[in-house]
Amino acid sequence: MILAELFANLETLDDNLTIYARADPEWSPTSEATVCVPPDDGTTVPPLAAAGMDYFLEVYIAKEVLQGWARSAGGKELSLQRICDILINYTQNDA
């Protein structure tokens, strides 16, 4: 799976999951990605299922970020490219 596919289905994902993605060298919509249950110890170290990937963002936070953008856009639907840009930028700069 890639980030764009994951983001396209974000609303169907459990809020308790965490997104992990491979930065090569940066995250992009085509970066390999997965969602997993985060480690119990509270670290951002990827579980075995996400080996070789980096922590990206918790699913519930990604949803909250997009809901905030949707409100500021007056409910206008965001394109998948815009969703990718928003979440990658948020992860790189604000998270």
Protein backbone atom coordinates (compact mmCIF):
# COMPACT_ATOMS: atom_id res chain seq x y z
CA MET A 1 0.00 0.00 0.00
CA ILE A 2 1.11 3.58 -0.57
CA LEU A 3 0.25 6.71 1.41
CA ALA A 4 -2.23 7.97 -1.21
CA GLU A 5 -4.19 4.70 -1.06
CA LEU A 6 -4.13 4.73 2.72
CA PHE A 7 -5.34 8.35 2.83
CA ALA A 8 -8.12 7.56 0.33
CA ASN A 9 -9.46 5.02 2.83
CA LEU A 10 -8.61 6.91 6.02
CA GLU A 11 -12.19 7.16 7.26
CA THR A 12 -12.49 3.35 7.29
CA LEU A 13 -9.43 2.88 9.52
CA ASP A 14 -9.61 2.30 13.26
CA ASP A 15 -8.61 5.38 15.25
CA ASN A 16 -6.34 3.25 17.46
CA LEU A 17 -3.96 2.43 14.60
CA THR A 18 -0.77 4.25 13.68
CA ILE A 19 0.48 5.03 10.17
CA TYR A 20 4.05 4.06 9.28
CA ALA A 21 5.67 4.97 5.96
CA ARG A 22 8.98 4.62 4.18
CA ALA A 23 10.68 7.95 3.49
CA ASP A 24 12.86 7.65 0.39
CA PRO A 25 14.38 10.17 1.16
CA GLU A 26 11.15 12.07 1.93
CA TRP A 27 7.53 11.05 2.24
CA SER A 28 5.40 11.39 -0.86
CA PRO A 29 1.97 10.14 -1.95
CA THR A 30 3.73 7.09 -3.44
CA SER A 31 5.68 6.19 -0.28
CA GLU A 32 5.15 2.61 0.89
CA ALA A 33 2.89 2.68 3.94
CA THR A 34 1.01 0.51 6.40
CA VAL A 35 -1.11 0.85 9.53
CA CYS A 36 -0.42 -1.11 12.69
CA VAL A 37 -1.24 -1.18 16.35
CA PRO A 38 1.44 0.99 17.97
CA PRO A 39 3.90 -0.49 20.49
CA ASP A 40 2.65 -0.75 24.07
CA ASP A 41 5.67 1.10 25.43
CA GLY A 42 4.57 4.45 23.95
CA THR A 43 7.55 4.77 21.62
CA THR A 44 7.35 5.57 17.93
CA VAL A 45 9.55 2.59 17.01
CA PRO A 46 7.70 0.69 14.27
CA PRO A 47 6.38 -2.77 15.10
CA LEU A 48 7.67 -5.73 13.11
CA ALA A 49 4.82 -5.39 10.59
CA ALA A 50 6.21 -1.95 9.66
CA ALA A 51 9.89 -2.92 9.61
CA GLY A 52 11.98 -0.49 7.59
CA MET A 53 9.34 2.23 7.84
CA ASP A 54 9.19 5.30 10.04
CA TYR A 55 6.45 6.52 12.32
CA PHE A 56 4.17 8.82 10.30
CA LEU A 57 1.07 9.73 12.35
CA GLU A 58 -1.74 8.24 14.39
CA VAL A 59 -4.91 7.63 12.36
CA TYR A 60 -7.09 9.66 14.73
CA ILE A 61 -4.77 12.67 14.43
CA ALA A 62 -4.77 12.42 10.62
CA LYS A 63 -8.58 12.45 10.71
CA GLU A 64 -8.66 15.45 13.06
CA VAL A 65 -6.23 17.40 10.87
CA LEU A 66 -8.36 16.77 7.78
CA GLN A 67 -11.58 17.65 9.62
CA GLY A 68 -10.01 20.98 10.58
CA TRP A 69 -9.03 21.67 6.98
CA ALA A 70 -12.49 20.71 5.75
CA ARG A 71 -14.08 23.14 8.22
CA SER A 72 -11.75 25.93 7.12
CA ALA A 73 -12.60 25.16 3.48
CA GLY A 74 -16.30 25.59 4.22
CA GLY A 75 -17.02 21.90 3.82
CA LYS A 76 -15.56 21.80 0.31
CA GLU A 77 -14.29 18.31 -0.51
CA LEU A 78 -10.50 18.03 -0.57
CA SER A 79 -8.82 16.25 -3.47
CA LEU A 80 -6.68 13.21 -2.71
CA GLN A 81 -3.58 15.17 -3.79
CA ARG A 82 -4.51 17.97 -1.37
CA ILE A 83 -5.08 15.43 1.42
CA CYS A 84 -1.63 13.98 0.76
CA ASP A 85 -0.05 17.44 0.79
CA ILE A 86 -1.81 18.41 4.03
CA LEU A 87 -0.92 15.26 5.96
CA ILE A 88 2.67 15.03 4.75
CA ASN A 89 3.23 18.71 5.52
CA TYR A 90 1.61 18.31 8.94
CA THR A 91 3.78 15.32 9.77
CA GLN A 92 6.98 17.03 8.64
CA ASN A 93 6.32 20.40 10.27
CA ASP A 94 3.64 20.31 12.95
CA ALA A 95 3.41 16.85 14.50
